[in-house]
Amino acid sequence: MYFKKVNQFFFGWFIFSLYCMIKFDSYISIIIFVKFLFIIMAISHLYLKATGQKDSDLDKRIVYWKERFEFIFVFLMAILLVYLFDIRRDRTGLIGPHTKLLLYLFGFVLLITAKWALFFKEAEWFKKIQAIIGDTAE
């Protein structure tokens, strides 16, 4: 009787773990799909820009969706980070090759989309360094 309950518990735990992994893999697949859509929009925008159709209605729609896909990607990645690095549970074992790739890409997205001008051009210390080096920003 005791072993039957233990087996049921471990079987139930195994099924629940399998269910969670399927959900996690599906979530990762959604993030990859959103990133793929963003890349398609970015390439389309670059193509239209190169062919001189930068201000067309099509380009405006592409830029609109490119920005939305970028926001959705950042939002989903932020949720993934909160989930993976929750201080109450250690889920770092879930970080596989696809998750590593997404975290790597997320780092580049944050570096590229950061508003560097706010940090460098308005900072007083940066203006002093520029004056010392010889390139006065004023």
C-alpha atoms as a PDB file:
ATOM      1  CA  MET A   1       0.000   0.000   0.000  1.00  0.00           C
ATOM      2  CA  TYR A   2       2.771   2.408   0.973  1.00  0.00           C
ATOM      3  CA  PHE A   3       4.759   1.737  -2.207  1.00  0.00           C
ATOM      4  CA  LYS A   4       1.680   2.261  -4.330  1.00  0.00           C
ATOM      5  CA  LYS A   5       1.186   5.766  -2.890  1.00  0.00           C
ATOM      6  CA  VAL A   6       4.874   6.579  -3.338  1.00  0.00           C
ATOM      7  CA  ASN A   7       4.733   5.386  -6.941  1.00  0.00           C
ATOM      8  CA  GLN A   8       1.598   7.445  -7.585  1.00  0.00           C
ATOM      9  CA  PHE A   9       3.274  10.507  -6.076  1.00  0.00           C
ATOM     10  CA  PHE A  10       6.413  10.156  -8.197  1.00  0.00           C
ATOM     11  CA  PHE A  11       4.414   9.341 -11.325  1.00  0.00           C
ATOM     12  CA  GLY A  12       2.239  12.424 -10.721  1.00  0.00           C
ATOM     13  CA  TRP A  13       5.354  14.542 -10.136  1.00  0.00           C
ATOM     14  CA  PHE A  14       6.903  13.186 -13.346  1.00  0.00           C
ATOM     15  CA  ILE A  15       3.768  13.988 -15.387  1.00  0.00           C
ATOM     16  CA  PHE A  16       3.617  17.479 -13.874  1.00  0.00           C
ATOM     17  CA  SER A  17       7.319  18.046 -14.665  1.00  0.00           C
ATOM     18  CA  LEU A  18       6.795  16.858 -18.216  1.00  0.00           C
ATOM     19  CA  TYR A  19       3.806  19.197 -18.560  1.00  0.00           C
ATOM     20  CA  CYS A  20       5.885  22.142 -17.285  1.00  0.00           C
ATOM     21  CA  MET A  21       8.725  21.344 -19.699  1.00  0.00           C
ATOM     22  CA  ILE A  22       6.316  21.229 -22.631  1.00  0.00           C
ATOM     23  CA  LYS A  23       4.931  24.613 -21.590  1.00  0.00           C
ATOM     24  CA  PHE A  24       8.463  26.006 -21.184  1.00  0.00           C
ATOM     25  CA  ASP A  25       9.514  24.718 -24.618  1.00  0.00           C
ATOM     26  CA  SER A  26       6.361  26.208 -26.142  1.00  0.00           C
ATOM     27  CA  TYR A  27       7.152  29.553 -24.514  1.00  0.00           C
ATOM     28  CA  ILE A  28      10.691  29.464 -25.921  1.00  0.00           C
ATOM     29  CA  SER A  29       9.263  28.619 -29.359  1.00  0.00           C
ATOM     30  CA  ILE A  30       6.924  31.624 -29.176  1.00  0.00           C
ATOM     31  CA  ILE A  31       9.853  33.903 -28.325  1.00  0.00           C
ATOM     32  CA  ILE A  32      11.896  32.524 -31.231  1.00  0.00           C
ATOM     33  CA  PHE A  33       8.925  33.011 -33.582  1.00  0.00           C
ATOM     34  CA  VAL A  34       8.487  36.640 -32.455  1.00  0.00           C
ATOM     35  CA  LYS A  35      12.207  37.263 -32.993  1.00  0.00           C
ATOM     36  CA  PHE A  36      11.954  35.712 -36.446  1.00  0.00           C
ATOM     37  CA  LEU A  37       9.070  38.065 -37.313  1.00  0.00           C
ATOM     38  CA  PHE A  38      11.118  41.013 -36.041  1.00  0.00           C
ATOM     39  CA  ILE A  39      14.046  40.006 -38.273  1.00  0.00           C
ATOM     40  CA  ILE A  40      11.756  39.738 -41.300  1.00  0.00           C
ATOM     41  CA  MET A  41      10.372  43.224 -40.597  1.00  0.00           C
ATOM     42  CA  ALA A  42      13.866  44.661 -40.074  1.00  0.00           C
ATOM     43  CA  ILE A  43      15.154  43.173 -43.345  1.00  0.00           C
ATOM     44  CA  SER A  44      12.047  44.407 -45.180  1.00  0.00           C
ATOM     45  CA  HIS A  45      12.596  47.893 -43.784  1.00  0.00           C
ATOM     46  CA  LEU A  46      16.243  47.868 -44.857  1.00  0.00           C
ATOM     47  CA  TYR A  47      15.220  46.704 -48.343  1.00  0.00           C
ATOM     48  CA  LEU A  48      12.634  49.450 -48.709  1.00  0.00           C
ATOM     49  CA  LYS A  49      15.131  51.988 -47.403  1.00  0.00           C
ATOM     50  CA  ALA A  50      17.734  50.850 -49.945  1.00  0.00           C
ATOM     51  CA  THR A  51      15.256  51.023 -52.821  1.00  0.00           C
ATOM     52  CA  GLY A  52      14.150  54.554 -51.948  1.00  0.00           C
ATOM     53  CA  GLN A  53      10.731  53.631 -50.585  1.00  0.00           C
ATOM     54  CA  LYS A  54      11.487  54.691 -47.026  1.00  0.00           C
ATOM     55  CA  ASP A  55       8.436  56.934 -46.563  1.00  0.00           C
ATOM     56  CA  SER A  56       5.900  54.709 -48.300  1.00  0.00           C
ATOM     57  CA  ASP A  57       2.786  53.400 -46.562  1.00  0.00           C
ATOM     58  CA  LEU A  58       4.170  49.875 -46.706  1.00  0.00           C
ATOM     59  CA  ASP A  59       7.366  50.954 -44.968  1.00  0.00           C
ATOM     60  CA  LYS A  60       5.406  52.764 -42.265  1.00  0.00           C
ATOM     61  CA  ARG A  61       3.396  49.593 -41.585  1.00  0.00           C
ATOM     62  CA  ILE A  62       6.564  47.502 -41.546  1.00  0.00           C
ATOM     63  CA  VAL A  63       8.253  49.878 -39.086  1.00  0.00           C
ATOM     64  CA  TYR A  64       5.095  49.862 -36.960  1.00  0.00           C
ATOM     65  CA  TRP A  65       5.108  46.059 -36.713  1.00  0.00           C
ATOM     66  CA  LYS A  66       8.889  45.882 -36.328  1.00  0.00           C
ATOM     67  CA  GLU A  67       8.661  48.105 -33.251  1.00  0.00           C
ATOM     68  CA  ARG A  68       5.761  46.057 -31.854  1.00  0.00           C
ATOM     69  CA  PHE A  69       7.589  42.770 -32.361  1.00  0.00           C
ATOM     70  CA  GLU A  70      10.661  44.236 -30.666  1.00  0.00           C
ATOM     71  CA  PHE A  71       8.553  45.297 -27.682  1.00  0.00           C
ATOM     72  CA  ILE A  72       6.873  41.878 -27.475  1.00  0.00           C
ATOM     73  CA  PHE A  73      10.293  40.197 -27.622  1.00  0.00           C
ATOM     74  CA  VAL A  74      11.680  42.368 -24.810  1.00  0.00           C
ATOM     75  CA  PHE A  75       8.547  41.799 -22.720  1.00  0.00           C
ATOM     76  CA  LEU A  76       8.618  38.012 -23.189  1.00  0.00           C
ATOM     77  CA  MET A  77      12.348  37.892 -22.439  1.00  0.00           C
ATOM     78  CA  ALA A  78      11.847  39.895 -19.254  1.00  0.00           C
ATOM     79  CA  ILE A  79       9.229  37.384 -18.114  1.00  0.00           C
ATOM     80  CA  LEU A  80      11.622  34.557 -18.998  1.00  0.00           C
ATOM     81  CA  LEU A  81      14.375  36.148 -16.909  1.00  0.00           C
ATOM     82  CA  VAL A  82      12.053  36.561 -13.936  1.00  0.00           C
ATOM     83  CA  TYR A  83      10.961  32.935 -14.284  1.00  0.00           C
ATOM     84  CA  LEU A  84      14.459  31.500 -14.664  1.00  0.00           C
ATOM     85  CA  PHE A  85      16.106  33.520 -11.913  1.00  0.00           C
ATOM     86  CA  ASP A  86      13.319  33.491  -9.350  1.00  0.00           C
ATOM     87  CA  ILE A  87      14.982  33.552  -5.939  1.00  0.00           C
ATOM     88  CA  ARG A  88      12.481  31.076  -4.485  1.00  0.00           C
ATOM     89  CA  ARG A  89      13.281  28.297  -6.989  1.00  0.00           C
ATOM     90  CA  ASP A  90      16.411  27.283  -8.838  1.00  0.00           C
ATOM     91  CA  ARG A  91      15.429  26.923 -12.484  1.00  0.00           C
ATOM     92  CA  THR A  92      18.848  27.530 -13.996  1.00  0.00           C
ATOM     93  CA  GLY A  93      18.850  23.874 -15.053  1.00  0.00           C
ATOM     94  CA  LEU A  94      16.256  24.804 -17.672  1.00  0.00           C
ATOM     95  CA  ILE A  95      18.782  26.938 -19.524  1.00  0.00           C
ATOM     96  CA  GLY A  96      19.483  24.913 -22.640  1.00  0.00           C
ATOM     97  CA  PRO A  97      20.986  25.892 -25.993  1.00  0.00           C
ATOM     98  CA  HIS A  98      17.845  27.680 -27.232  1.00  0.00           C
ATOM     99  CA  THR A  99      17.488  29.643 -24.006  1.00  0.00           C
ATOM    100  CA  LYS A 100      21.175  30.583 -24.087  1.00  0.00           C
ATOM    101  CA  LEU A 101      20.772  31.853 -27.640  1.00  0.00           C
ATOM    102  CA  LEU A 102      17.734  33.916 -26.650  1.00  0.00           C
ATOM    103  CA  LEU A 103      19.516  35.428 -23.658  1.00  0.00           C
ATOM    104  CA  TYR A 104      22.493  36.231 -25.886  1.00  0.00           C
ATOM    105  CA  LEU A 105      20.256  37.933 -28.468  1.00  0.00           C
ATOM    106  CA  PHE A 106      18.379  39.748 -25.729  1.00  0.00           C
ATOM    107  CA  GLY A 107      21.648  41.249 -24.508  1.00  0.00           C
ATOM    108  CA  PHE A 108      22.379  42.576 -27.987  1.00  0.00           C
ATOM    109  CA  VAL A 109      18.855  43.964 -28.359  1.00  0.00           C
ATOM    110  CA  LEU A 110      19.242  45.852 -25.098  1.00  0.00           C
ATOM    111  CA  LEU A 111      22.666  47.180 -26.088  1.00  0.00           C
ATOM    112  CA  ILE A 112      21.503  48.292 -29.533  1.00  0.00           C
ATOM    113  CA  THR A 113      18.232  49.858 -28.447  1.00  0.00           C
ATOM    114  CA  ALA A 114      19.599  51.625 -25.375  1.00  0.00           C
ATOM    115  CA  LYS A 115      19.327  55.402 -25.449  1.00  0.00           C
ATOM    116  CA  TRP A 116      23.060  56.035 -25.268  1.00  0.00           C
ATOM    117  CA  ALA A 117      22.656  59.752 -26.018  1.00  0.00           C
ATOM    118  CA  LEU A 118      20.848  60.248 -22.728  1.00  0.00           C
ATOM    119  CA  PHE A 119      23.759  58.749 -20.869  1.00  0.00           C
ATOM    120  CA  PHE A 120      26.694  60.300 -22.683  1.00  0.00           C
ATOM    121  CA  LYS A 121      25.601  63.645 -24.100  1.00  0.00           C
ATOM    122  CA  GLU A 122      23.841  64.909 -20.999  1.00  0.00           C
ATOM    123  CA  ALA A 123      26.303  63.627 -18.416  1.00  0.00           C
ATOM    124  CA  GLU A 124      28.501  66.344 -16.954  1.00  0.00           C
ATOM    125  CA  TRP A 125      31.420  63.966 -16.403  1.00  0.00           C
ATOM    126  CA  PHE A 126      31.342  62.965 -20.060  1.00  0.00           C
ATOM    127  CA  LYS A 127      31.505  66.602 -21.174  1.00  0.00           C
ATOM    128  CA  LYS A 128      34.549  67.098 -18.949  1.00  0.00           C
ATOM    129  CA  ILE A 129      36.257  64.040 -20.432  1.00  0.00           C
ATOM    130  CA  GLN A 130      35.531  65.331 -23.935  1.00  0.00           C
ATOM    131  CA  ALA A 131      36.994  68.735 -22.989  1.00  0.00           C
ATOM    132  CA  ILE A 132      40.123  67.067 -21.592  1.00  0.00           C
ATOM    133  CA  ILE A 133      40.600  64.930 -24.689  1.00  0.00           C
ATOM    134  CA  GLY A 134      40.110  67.952 -26.918  1.00  0.00           C
ATOM    135  CA  ASP A 135      36.739  67.351 -28.538  1.00  0.00           C
ATOM    136  CA  THR A 136      34.507  70.001 -26.968  1.00  0.00           C
ATOM    137  CA  ALA A 137      30.858  69.117 -27.182  1.00  0.00           C
ATOM    138  CA  GLU A 138      29.722  72.623 -26.353  1.00  0.00           C
END
